[in-house]
Amino acid sequence: MVSYTLWYWPSIPGRGEYVRLAFAAAEVAFTDNSEGEVGALVKHIGPQGETGHPYHFACPLLEVSNASGGSGKTDGAQDATKGSTFYISQTPVILAYLAPKLKLDGTQEEEDLSIEEAEIRRAHVSQLTATVLDLSNEIHDTHHPIAAGAYYEDQKDEAARRAEDLRNNRIPKFLKIFEATIAKNPYKSGFLISKHVTTADVVLFQVLEGLSFAFPKLSKSLQDGGDYKHLYALRDQVAAIPGIKAYLNSDRRKPFSNGIFRFYPELDAALKA
């Protein structure tokens, strides 16, 4: 039996939320260690990490334990076989690993797909997921455009310029791609790709929610403008998935605060006409 543990910073949803939502969509149980001791988390990160080789730069970190017996490993590598525990980091890599196991890789109920076609579908799901995560990073960088380790107050002028470019140039560029992708999905499912929800849809849902928190005026103008009807319909469709809906209504859902998505009124404005 395989068990999963998510290691992440306490209090904030952050990048760990993308992984939580994937588990929620699939209704697969996991252990969330984000409310544990920070010291225990730190022991898993960096060259002093206790997770074995290879070392991990940052969280989120996914711990995977397989207690079904048998073991084996190559020299200098983590156990990744039966009877082992191993770790994966980097959000897009975690999601790519989980996608087929959680049936979020776009190949469900697709018996007519060849092996190669299924591999291509999974690659396209990972491609879309990575693109949405690129947008997530750009939104984060509006409040820390110069140095991630410096305070927002020390880079407010640069943040204002970065946010203006995000609002008027970068956001529309990303959203137009997503809108067209949903609209041209041959399955007409309302999702980005395939018949059913994938990790890409779940991540896009979270980014749209975060954007609404960090840039409420911008988000309202985007939605009211009518150019992204498929995009916001996808958001509502994902929110209605039973596992997602239950998660959103539970105390496990962490509120937005000082993570990737931060609300600074001076950075927000409606989209320029």
C-alpha atoms as a PDB file:
ATOM      1  CA  MET A   1       0.000   0.000   0.000  1.00  0.00           C
ATOM      2  CA  VAL A   2       1.351   3.392  -0.968  1.00  0.00           C
ATOM      3  CA  SER A   3       1.081   6.332   1.427  1.00  0.00           C
ATOM      4  CA  TYR A   4       1.838   9.974   0.722  1.00  0.00           C
ATOM      5  CA  THR A   5       3.069  12.752   3.000  1.00  0.00           C
ATOM      6  CA  LEU A   6       3.284  16.389   1.933  1.00  0.00           C
ATOM      7  CA  TRP A   7       5.952  18.524   3.590  1.00  0.00           C
ATOM      8  CA  TYR A   8       5.436  22.270   3.379  1.00  0.00           C
ATOM      9  CA  TRP A   9       5.654  25.499   5.356  1.00  0.00           C
ATOM     10  CA  PRO A  10       2.937  26.102   7.953  1.00  0.00           C
ATOM     11  CA  SER A  11       0.035  28.559   7.707  1.00  0.00           C
ATOM     12  CA  ILE A  12       0.248  29.542   4.030  1.00  0.00           C
ATOM     13  CA  PRO A  13      -1.232  27.598   1.090  1.00  0.00           C
ATOM     14  CA  GLY A  14       1.742  28.383  -1.152  1.00  0.00           C
ATOM     15  CA  ARG A  15       2.928  25.884  -3.725  1.00  0.00           C
ATOM     16  CA  GLY A  16       1.875  23.050  -1.475  1.00  0.00           C
ATOM     17  CA  GLU A  17      -1.739  23.901  -2.261  1.00  0.00           C
ATOM     18  CA  TYR A  18      -1.366  22.702  -5.837  1.00  0.00           C
ATOM     19  CA  VAL A  19      -0.494  19.261  -4.493  1.00  0.00           C
ATOM     20  CA  ARG A  20      -3.279  19.313  -1.896  1.00  0.00           C
ATOM     21  CA  LEU A  21      -5.849  20.129  -4.562  1.00  0.00           C
ATOM     22  CA  ALA A  22      -4.649  17.255  -6.740  1.00  0.00           C
ATOM     23  CA  PHE A  23      -5.210  14.827  -3.874  1.00  0.00           C
ATOM     24  CA  ALA A  24      -8.591  16.440  -3.193  1.00  0.00           C
ATOM     25  CA  ALA A  25      -9.705  16.114  -6.820  1.00  0.00           C
ATOM     26  CA  ALA A  26      -8.812  12.417  -6.781  1.00  0.00           C
ATOM     27  CA  GLU A  27     -10.212  11.905  -3.260  1.00  0.00           C
ATOM     28  CA  VAL A  28      -6.985  10.190  -2.239  1.00  0.00           C
ATOM     29  CA  ALA A  29      -5.895  10.454   1.382  1.00  0.00           C
ATOM     30  CA  PHE A  30      -2.499  11.863   2.323  1.00  0.00           C
ATOM     31  CA  THR A  31      -0.738  13.196   5.399  1.00  0.00           C
ATOM     32  CA  ASP A  32      -0.190  16.954   5.478  1.00  0.00           C
ATOM     33  CA  ASN A  33       2.829  17.830   7.614  1.00  0.00           C
ATOM     34  CA  SER A  34       2.581  21.567   6.968  1.00  0.00           C
ATOM     35  CA  GLU A  35       1.411  22.210  10.519  1.00  0.00           C
ATOM     36  CA  GLY A  36       4.259  20.270  12.072  1.00  0.00           C
ATOM     37  CA  GLU A  37       7.524  21.523  13.491  1.00  0.00           C
ATOM     38  CA  VAL A  38       9.442  23.727  11.062  1.00  0.00           C
ATOM     39  CA  GLY A  39      12.617  22.098  12.304  1.00  0.00           C
ATOM     40  CA  ALA A  40      11.409  18.732  11.054  1.00  0.00           C
ATOM     41  CA  LEU A  41      10.717  20.238   7.636  1.00  0.00           C
ATOM     42  CA  VAL A  42      14.116  21.929   7.446  1.00  0.00           C
ATOM     43  CA  LYS A  43      15.792  18.574   8.046  1.00  0.00           C
ATOM     44  CA  HIS A  44      14.435  17.457   4.689  1.00  0.00           C
ATOM     45  CA  ILE A  45      15.868  20.357   2.664  1.00  0.00           C
ATOM     46  CA  GLY A  46      19.353  21.294   1.501  1.00  0.00           C
ATOM     47  CA  PRO A  47      22.669  19.439   1.456  1.00  0.00           C
ATOM     48  CA  GLN A  48      22.222  18.590   5.135  1.00  0.00           C
ATOM     49  CA  GLY A  49      18.882  16.938   4.345  1.00  0.00           C
ATOM     50  CA  GLU A  50      18.056  13.560   5.818  1.00  0.00           C
ATOM     51  CA  THR A  51      16.121  12.361   2.773  1.00  0.00           C
ATOM     52  CA  GLY A  52      19.083  10.813   1.010  1.00  0.00           C
ATOM     53  CA  HIS A  53      20.401  11.448  -2.477  1.00  0.00           C
ATOM     54  CA  PRO A  54      19.486  13.519  -4.454  1.00  0.00           C
ATOM     55  CA  TYR A  55      19.088  16.464  -2.090  1.00  0.00           C
ATOM     56  CA  HIS A  56      16.166  18.857  -2.281  1.00  0.00           C
ATOM     57  CA  PHE A  57      16.406  22.606  -2.790  1.00  0.00           C
ATOM     58  CA  ALA A  58      13.020  23.637  -1.388  1.00  0.00           C
ATOM     59  CA  CYS A  59       9.564  22.445  -0.481  1.00  0.00           C
ATOM     60  CA  PRO A  60       6.971  21.290  -1.340  1.00  0.00           C
ATOM     61  CA  LEU A  61       8.382  17.862  -0.759  1.00  0.00           C
ATOM     62  CA  LEU A  62       6.403  14.672  -1.335  1.00  0.00           C
ATOM     63  CA  GLU A  63       7.292  11.627   0.734  1.00  0.00           C
ATOM     64  CA  VAL A  64       6.158   8.362  -0.838  1.00  0.00           C
ATOM     65  CA  SER A  65       6.157   5.166   1.205  1.00  0.00           C
ATOM     66  CA  ASN A  66       5.436   1.768  -0.287  1.00  0.00           C
ATOM     67  CA  ALA A  67       4.939  -0.980   2.268  1.00  0.00           C
ATOM     68  CA  SER A  68       4.041  -3.764  -0.158  1.00  0.00           C
ATOM     69  CA  GLY A  69       7.237  -5.712   0.348  1.00  0.00           C
ATOM     70  CA  GLY A  70      10.410  -6.237  -1.636  1.00  0.00           C
ATOM     71  CA  SER A  71      13.146  -3.691  -2.085  1.00  0.00           C
ATOM     72  CA  GLY A  72      15.984  -2.686  -4.290  1.00  0.00           C
ATOM     73  CA  LYS A  73      18.032   0.326  -5.243  1.00  0.00           C
ATOM     74  CA  THR A  74      20.916   1.435  -7.364  1.00  0.00           C
ATOM     75  CA  ASP A  75      24.179   2.579  -5.809  1.00  0.00           C
ATOM     76  CA  GLY A  76      23.909   6.078  -4.348  1.00  0.00           C
ATOM     77  CA  ALA A  77      20.228   6.470  -5.196  1.00  0.00           C
ATOM     78  CA  GLN A  78      17.107   6.616  -3.092  1.00  0.00           C
ATOM     79  CA  ASP A  79      14.946   3.546  -2.809  1.00  0.00           C
ATOM     80  CA  ALA A  80      12.128   3.976  -5.296  1.00  0.00           C
ATOM     81  CA  THR A  81      10.798   0.435  -5.235  1.00  0.00           C
ATOM     82  CA  LYS A  82       8.543  -1.759  -3.168  1.00  0.00           C
ATOM     83  CA  GLY A  83       9.141  -1.566   0.550  1.00  0.00           C
ATOM     84  CA  SER A  84      10.824   1.823   0.271  1.00  0.00           C
ATOM     85  CA  THR A  85      10.392   5.468   1.143  1.00  0.00           C
ATOM     86  CA  PHE A  86      11.551   8.146  -1.256  1.00  0.00           C
ATOM     87  CA  TYR A  87      11.124  11.887  -1.747  1.00  0.00           C
ATOM     88  CA  ILE A  88      10.296  14.142  -4.695  1.00  0.00           C
ATOM     89  CA  SER A  89      10.512  17.940  -4.800  1.00  0.00           C
ATOM     90  CA  GLN A  90       9.653  20.710  -7.296  1.00  0.00           C
ATOM     91  CA  THR A  91       5.927  21.334  -7.749  1.00  0.00           C
ATOM     92  CA  PRO A  92       5.640  20.448 -11.469  1.00  0.00           C
ATOM     93  CA  VAL A  93       7.644  17.255 -10.942  1.00  0.00           C
ATOM     94  CA  ILE A  94       5.492  16.182  -7.999  1.00  0.00           C
ATOM     95  CA  LEU A  95       2.350  16.793 -10.037  1.00  0.00           C
ATOM     96  CA  ALA A  96       3.741  14.928 -13.061  1.00  0.00           C
ATOM     97  CA  TYR A  97       4.571  11.972 -10.809  1.00  0.00           C
ATOM     98  CA  LEU A  98       1.153  11.961  -9.161  1.00  0.00           C
ATOM     99  CA  ALA A  99      -0.945  12.606 -12.276  1.00  0.00           C
ATOM    100  CA  PRO A 100      -1.165   9.000 -13.558  1.00  0.00           C
ATOM    101  CA  LYS A 101      -1.454   7.595 -10.033  1.00  0.00           C
ATOM    102  CA  LEU A 102      -4.338   9.949  -9.179  1.00  0.00           C
ATOM    103  CA  LYS A 103      -5.930   9.537 -12.618  1.00  0.00           C
ATOM    104  CA  LEU A 104      -5.285  13.188 -13.418  1.00  0.00           C
ATOM    105  CA  ASP A 105      -3.061  12.630 -16.455  1.00  0.00           C
ATOM    106  CA  GLY A 106      -5.752  12.919 -19.147  1.00  0.00           C
ATOM    107  CA  THR A 107      -5.761   9.268 -20.215  1.00  0.00           C
ATOM    108  CA  GLN A 108      -8.749   8.001 -18.231  1.00  0.00           C
ATOM    109  CA  GLU A 109     -11.462   6.205 -20.216  1.00  0.00           C
ATOM    110  CA  GLU A 110      -9.277   6.508 -23.310  1.00  0.00           C
ATOM    111  CA  GLU A 111      -8.892   2.838 -24.224  1.00  0.00           C
ATOM    112  CA  ASP A 112      -8.310   3.738 -27.861  1.00  0.00           C
ATOM    113  CA  LEU A 113      -5.100   5.651 -27.078  1.00  0.00           C
ATOM    114  CA  SER A 114      -1.916   3.898 -28.130  1.00  0.00           C
ATOM    115  CA  ILE A 115       1.015   3.769 -25.717  1.00  0.00           C
ATOM    116  CA  GLU A 116       2.683   6.605 -27.591  1.00  0.00           C
ATOM    117  CA  GLU A 117      -0.515   8.661 -27.695  1.00  0.00           C
ATOM    118  CA  ALA A 118      -0.941   8.221 -23.939  1.00  0.00           C
ATOM    119  CA  GLU A 119       2.646   9.369 -23.377  1.00  0.00           C
ATOM    120  CA  ILE A 120       2.027  12.425 -25.542  1.00  0.00           C
ATOM    121  CA  ARG A 121      -1.185  13.199 -23.638  1.00  0.00           C
ATOM    122  CA  ARG A 122       0.656  13.035 -20.311  1.00  0.00           C
ATOM    123  CA  ALA A 123       3.375  15.284 -21.701  1.00  0.00           C
ATOM    124  CA  HIS A 124       0.776  17.810 -22.834  1.00  0.00           C
ATOM    125  CA  VAL A 125      -0.841  17.768 -19.390  1.00  0.00           C
ATOM    126  CA  SER A 126       2.577  18.440 -17.843  1.00  0.00           C
ATOM    127  CA  GLN A 127       3.186  21.175 -20.419  1.00  0.00           C
ATOM    128  CA  LEU A 128      -0.048  22.947 -19.505  1.00  0.00           C
ATOM    129  CA  THR A 129       0.569  22.470 -15.786  1.00  0.00           C
ATOM    130  CA  ALA A 130       4.046  23.989 -16.101  1.00  0.00           C
ATOM    131  CA  THR A 131       2.665  26.941 -18.069  1.00  0.00           C
ATOM    132  CA  VAL A 132       0.097  27.694 -15.371  1.00  0.00           C
ATOM    133  CA  LEU A 133       2.841  27.457 -12.755  1.00  0.00           C
ATOM    134  CA  ASP A 134       4.871  29.962 -14.783  1.00  0.00           C
ATOM    135  CA  LEU A 135       1.959  32.371 -14.362  1.00  0.00           C
ATOM    136  CA  SER A 136       1.890  31.603 -10.646  1.00  0.00           C
ATOM    137  CA  ASN A 137       5.560  32.564 -10.402  1.00  0.00           C
ATOM    138  CA  GLU A 138       5.004  35.811 -12.303  1.00  0.00           C
ATOM    139  CA  ILE A 139       2.186  36.794  -9.951  1.00  0.00           C
ATOM    140  CA  HIS A 140       4.468  36.107  -6.988  1.00  0.00           C
ATOM    141  CA  ASP A 141       7.212  38.242  -8.490  1.00  0.00           C
ATOM    142  CA  THR A 142       5.015  41.347  -8.540  1.00  0.00           C
ATOM    143  CA  HIS A 143       5.522  41.799  -4.805  1.00  0.00           C
ATOM    144  CA  HIS A 144       9.159  40.651  -4.825  1.00  0.00           C
ATOM    145  CA  PRO A 145      10.479  41.825  -8.221  1.00  0.00           C
ATOM    146  CA  ILE A 146      14.059  42.519  -7.121  1.00  0.00           C
ATOM    147  CA  ALA A 147      14.938  40.160  -4.289  1.00  0.00           C
ATOM    148  CA  ALA A 148      12.924  37.293  -2.831  1.00  0.00           C
ATOM    149  CA  GLY A 149      14.699  37.740   0.491  1.00  0.00           C
ATOM    150  CA  ALA A 150      13.965  41.462   0.820  1.00  0.00           C
ATOM    151  CA  TYR A 151      10.812  43.053   2.216  1.00  0.00           C
ATOM    152  CA  TYR A 152       8.102  44.277  -0.134  1.00  0.00           C
ATOM    153  CA  GLU A 153       8.471  47.745   1.395  1.00  0.00           C
ATOM    154  CA  ASP A 154      12.070  47.862   0.161  1.00  0.00           C
ATOM    155  CA  GLN A 155      11.052  47.343  -3.470  1.00  0.00           C
ATOM    156  CA  LYS A 156       7.665  49.046  -3.758  1.00  0.00           C
ATOM    157  CA  ASP A 157       8.552  51.216  -6.749  1.00  0.00           C
ATOM    158  CA  GLU A 158       9.789  48.228  -8.723  1.00  0.00           C
ATOM    159  CA  ALA A 159       6.764  46.216  -7.595  1.00  0.00           C
ATOM    160  CA  ALA A 160       4.410  48.879  -8.951  1.00  0.00           C
ATOM    161  CA  ARG A 161       6.086  48.738 -12.361  1.00  0.00           C
ATOM    162  CA  ARG A 162       6.108  44.947 -12.375  1.00  0.00           C
ATOM    163  CA  ALA A 163       2.442  44.764 -11.362  1.00  0.00           C
ATOM    164  CA  GLU A 164       1.405  47.189 -14.096  1.00  0.00           C
ATOM    165  CA  ASP A 165       3.118  45.039 -16.707  1.00  0.00           C
ATOM    166  CA  LEU A 166       1.550  41.909 -15.231  1.00  0.00           C
ATOM    167  CA  ARG A 167      -1.947  43.399 -15.286  1.00  0.00           C
ATOM    168  CA  ASN A 168      -1.850  44.838 -18.775  1.00  0.00           C
ATOM    169  CA  ASN A 169       0.473  42.497 -20.648  1.00  0.00           C
ATOM    170  CA  ARG A 170       1.417  39.253 -18.976  1.00  0.00           C
ATOM    171  CA  ILE A 171      -1.964  38.207 -17.541  1.00  0.00           C
ATOM    172  CA  PRO A 172      -3.839  38.687 -20.843  1.00  0.00           C
ATOM    173  CA  LYS A 173      -1.121  36.793 -22.718  1.00  0.00           C
ATOM    174  CA  PHE A 174      -1.442  33.779 -20.424  1.00  0.00           C
ATOM    175  CA  LEU A 175      -5.224  33.842 -20.167  1.00  0.00           C
ATOM    176  CA  LYS A 176      -5.721  34.043 -23.936  1.00  0.00           C
ATOM    177  CA  ILE A 177      -3.769  30.811 -24.326  1.00  0.00           C
ATOM    178  CA  PHE A 178      -5.800  29.068 -21.634  1.00  0.00           C
ATOM    179  CA  GLU A 179      -9.112  30.368 -22.990  1.00  0.00           C
ATOM    180  CA  ALA A 180      -8.325  29.176 -26.511  1.00  0.00           C
ATOM    181  CA  THR A 181      -7.088  25.807 -25.252  1.00  0.00           C
ATOM    182  CA  ILE A 182     -10.323  25.158 -23.371  1.00  0.00           C
ATOM    183  CA  ALA A 183     -12.491  26.370 -26.249  1.00  0.00           C
ATOM    184  CA  LYS A 184     -10.676  24.167 -28.789  1.00  0.00           C
ATOM    185  CA  ASN A 185     -10.584  21.028 -26.624  1.00  0.00           C
ATOM    186  CA  PRO A 186     -12.025  18.449 -29.060  1.00  0.00           C
ATOM    187  CA  TYR A 187     -13.842  16.680 -26.221  1.00  0.00           C
ATOM    188  CA  LYS A 188     -15.805  19.847 -25.360  1.00  0.00           C
ATOM    189  CA  SER A 189     -15.437  18.869 -21.711  1.00  0.00           C
ATOM    190  CA  GLY A 190     -14.851  22.368 -20.371  1.00  0.00           C
ATOM    191  CA  PHE A 191     -11.350  21.350 -19.276  1.00  0.00           C
ATOM    192  CA  LEU A 192      -8.006  22.246 -20.825  1.00  0.00           C
ATOM    193  CA  ILE A 193      -7.365  18.830 -22.345  1.00  0.00           C
ATOM    194  CA  SER A 194      -9.047  15.414 -22.441  1.00  0.00           C
ATOM    195  CA  LYS A 195     -12.462  14.370 -21.167  1.00  0.00           C
ATOM    196  CA  HIS A 196     -11.746  14.684 -17.479  1.00  0.00           C
ATOM    197  CA  VAL A 197     -10.030  16.962 -14.995  1.00  0.00           C
ATOM    198  CA  THR A 198      -6.229  16.918 -14.950  1.00  0.00           C
ATOM    199  CA  THR A 199      -3.528  18.455 -12.794  1.00  0.00           C
ATOM    200  CA  ALA A 200      -3.447  21.372 -15.247  1.00  0.00           C
ATOM    201  CA  ASP A 201      -7.091  22.227 -14.533  1.00  0.00           C
ATOM    202  CA  VAL A 202      -6.600  21.978 -10.779  1.00  0.00           C
ATOM    203  CA  VAL A 203      -3.550  24.243 -10.850  1.00  0.00           C
ATOM    204  CA  LEU A 204      -5.337  26.745 -13.093  1.00  0.00           C
ATOM    205  CA  PHE A 205      -8.243  26.832 -10.646  1.00  0.00           C
ATOM    206  CA  GLN A 206      -5.908  27.724  -7.784  1.00  0.00           C
ATOM    207  CA  VAL A 207      -4.141  30.438  -9.774  1.00  0.00           C
ATOM    208  CA  LEU A 208      -7.467  32.059 -10.681  1.00  0.00           C
ATOM    209  CA  GLU A 209      -8.509  31.949  -7.027  1.00  0.00           C
ATOM    210  CA  GLY A 210      -5.197  33.460  -5.985  1.00  0.00           C
ATOM    211  CA  LEU A 211      -5.463  36.134  -8.641  1.00  0.00           C
ATOM    212  CA  SER A 212      -8.908  37.086  -7.325  1.00  0.00           C
ATOM    213  CA  PHE A 213      -7.410  37.512  -3.861  1.00  0.00           C
ATOM    214  CA  ALA A 214      -4.306  39.446  -4.880  1.00  0.00           C
ATOM    215  CA  PHE A 215      -5.832  41.501  -7.698  1.00  0.00           C
ATOM    216  CA  PRO A 216      -9.602  41.739  -7.085  1.00  0.00           C
ATOM    217  CA  LYS A 217     -10.159  44.760  -9.345  1.00  0.00           C
ATOM    218  CA  LEU A 218      -8.199  43.180 -12.155  1.00  0.00           C
ATOM    219  CA  SER A 219      -9.983  39.859 -11.748  1.00  0.00           C
ATOM    220  CA  LYS A 220     -13.408  41.474 -11.802  1.00  0.00           C
ATOM    221  CA  SER A 221     -12.596  43.372 -14.983  1.00  0.00           C
ATOM    222  CA  LEU A 222     -11.283  40.201 -16.623  1.00  0.00           C
ATOM    223  CA  GLN A 223     -14.389  38.243 -15.752  1.00  0.00           C
ATOM    224  CA  ASP A 224     -16.846  41.034 -16.557  1.00  0.00           C
ATOM    225  CA  GLY A 225     -15.149  41.739 -19.886  1.00  0.00           C
ATOM    226  CA  GLY A 226     -16.479  38.502 -21.354  1.00  0.00           C
ATOM    227  CA  ASP A 227     -13.289  37.450 -23.136  1.00  0.00           C
ATOM    228  CA  TYR A 228     -12.594  34.533 -20.813  1.00  0.00           C
ATOM    229  CA  LYS A 229     -15.938  32.764 -20.470  1.00  0.00           C
ATOM    230  CA  HIS A 230     -14.489  29.286 -20.884  1.00  0.00           C
ATOM    231  CA  LEU A 231     -11.748  30.040 -18.374  1.00  0.00           C
ATOM    232  CA  TYR A 232     -14.072  31.118 -15.582  1.00  0.00           C
ATOM    233  CA  ALA A 233     -16.487  28.304 -16.407  1.00  0.00           C
ATOM    234  CA  LEU A 234     -13.564  25.913 -15.867  1.00  0.00           C
ATOM    235  CA  ARG A 235     -12.889  27.526 -12.499  1.00  0.00           C
ATOM    236  CA  ASP A 236     -16.487  26.881 -11.432  1.00  0.00           C
ATOM    237  CA  GLN A 237     -16.432  23.366 -12.872  1.00  0.00           C
ATOM    238  CA  VAL A 238     -13.322  22.435 -10.901  1.00  0.00           C
ATOM    239  CA  ALA A 239     -14.779  23.957  -7.724  1.00  0.00           C
ATOM    240  CA  ALA A 240     -17.826  21.695  -8.130  1.00  0.00           C
ATOM    241  CA  ILE A 241     -15.824  18.448  -8.308  1.00  0.00           C
ATOM    242  CA  PRO A 242     -16.974  16.525  -5.196  1.00  0.00           C
ATOM    243  CA  GLY A 243     -13.521  16.092  -3.679  1.00  0.00           C
ATOM    244  CA  ILE A 244     -12.539  19.696  -4.387  1.00  0.00           C
ATOM    245  CA  LYS A 245     -15.838  21.039  -3.075  1.00  0.00           C
ATOM    246  CA  ALA A 246     -15.476  19.090   0.159  1.00  0.00           C
ATOM    247  CA  TYR A 247     -11.901  20.290   0.579  1.00  0.00           C
ATOM    248  CA  LEU A 248     -12.766  23.939  -0.063  1.00  0.00           C
ATOM    249  CA  ASN A 249     -15.489  23.773   2.583  1.00  0.00           C
ATOM    250  CA  SER A 250     -13.218  22.166   5.174  1.00  0.00           C
ATOM    251  CA  ASP A 251     -10.784  23.615   7.676  1.00  0.00           C
ATOM    252  CA  ARG A 252      -7.988  21.953   5.708  1.00  0.00           C
ATOM    253  CA  ARG A 253      -8.207  24.715   3.094  1.00  0.00           C
ATOM    254  CA  LYS A 254      -5.658  27.356   4.069  1.00  0.00           C
ATOM    255  CA  PRO A 255      -6.665  30.992   3.458  1.00  0.00           C
ATOM    256  CA  PHE A 256      -4.567  33.250   1.264  1.00  0.00           C
ATOM    257  CA  SER A 257      -2.290  35.537   3.254  1.00  0.00           C
ATOM    258  CA  ASN A 258       1.432  36.145   2.746  1.00  0.00           C
ATOM    259  CA  GLY A 259       2.332  33.407   0.312  1.00  0.00           C
ATOM    260  CA  ILE A 260       2.497  33.452  -3.470  1.00  0.00           C
ATOM    261  CA  PHE A 261      -0.632  35.580  -3.715  1.00  0.00           C
ATOM    262  CA  ARG A 262      -0.588  38.759  -1.594  1.00  0.00           C
ATOM    263  CA  PHE A 263      -3.007  41.642  -1.627  1.00  0.00           C
ATOM    264  CA  TYR A 264      -1.486  45.093  -1.862  1.00  0.00           C
ATOM    265  CA  PRO A 265      -4.179  47.602  -2.920  1.00  0.00           C
ATOM    266  CA  GLU A 266      -1.629  49.855  -4.596  1.00  0.00           C
ATOM    267  CA  LEU A 267      -0.702  47.066  -7.033  1.00  0.00           C
ATOM    268  CA  ASP A 268      -4.264  46.328  -8.116  1.00  0.00           C
ATOM    269  CA  ALA A 269      -6.256  48.005 -10.892  1.00  0.00           C
ATOM    270  CA  ALA A 270      -8.771  47.046 -13.532  1.00  0.00           C
ATOM    271  CA  LEU A 271      -7.510  45.966 -16.923  1.00  0.00           C
ATOM    272  CA  LYS A 272      -6.898  48.918 -19.218  1.00  0.00           C
ATOM    273  CA  ALA A 273      -9.517  49.213 -21.951  1.00  0.00           C
END
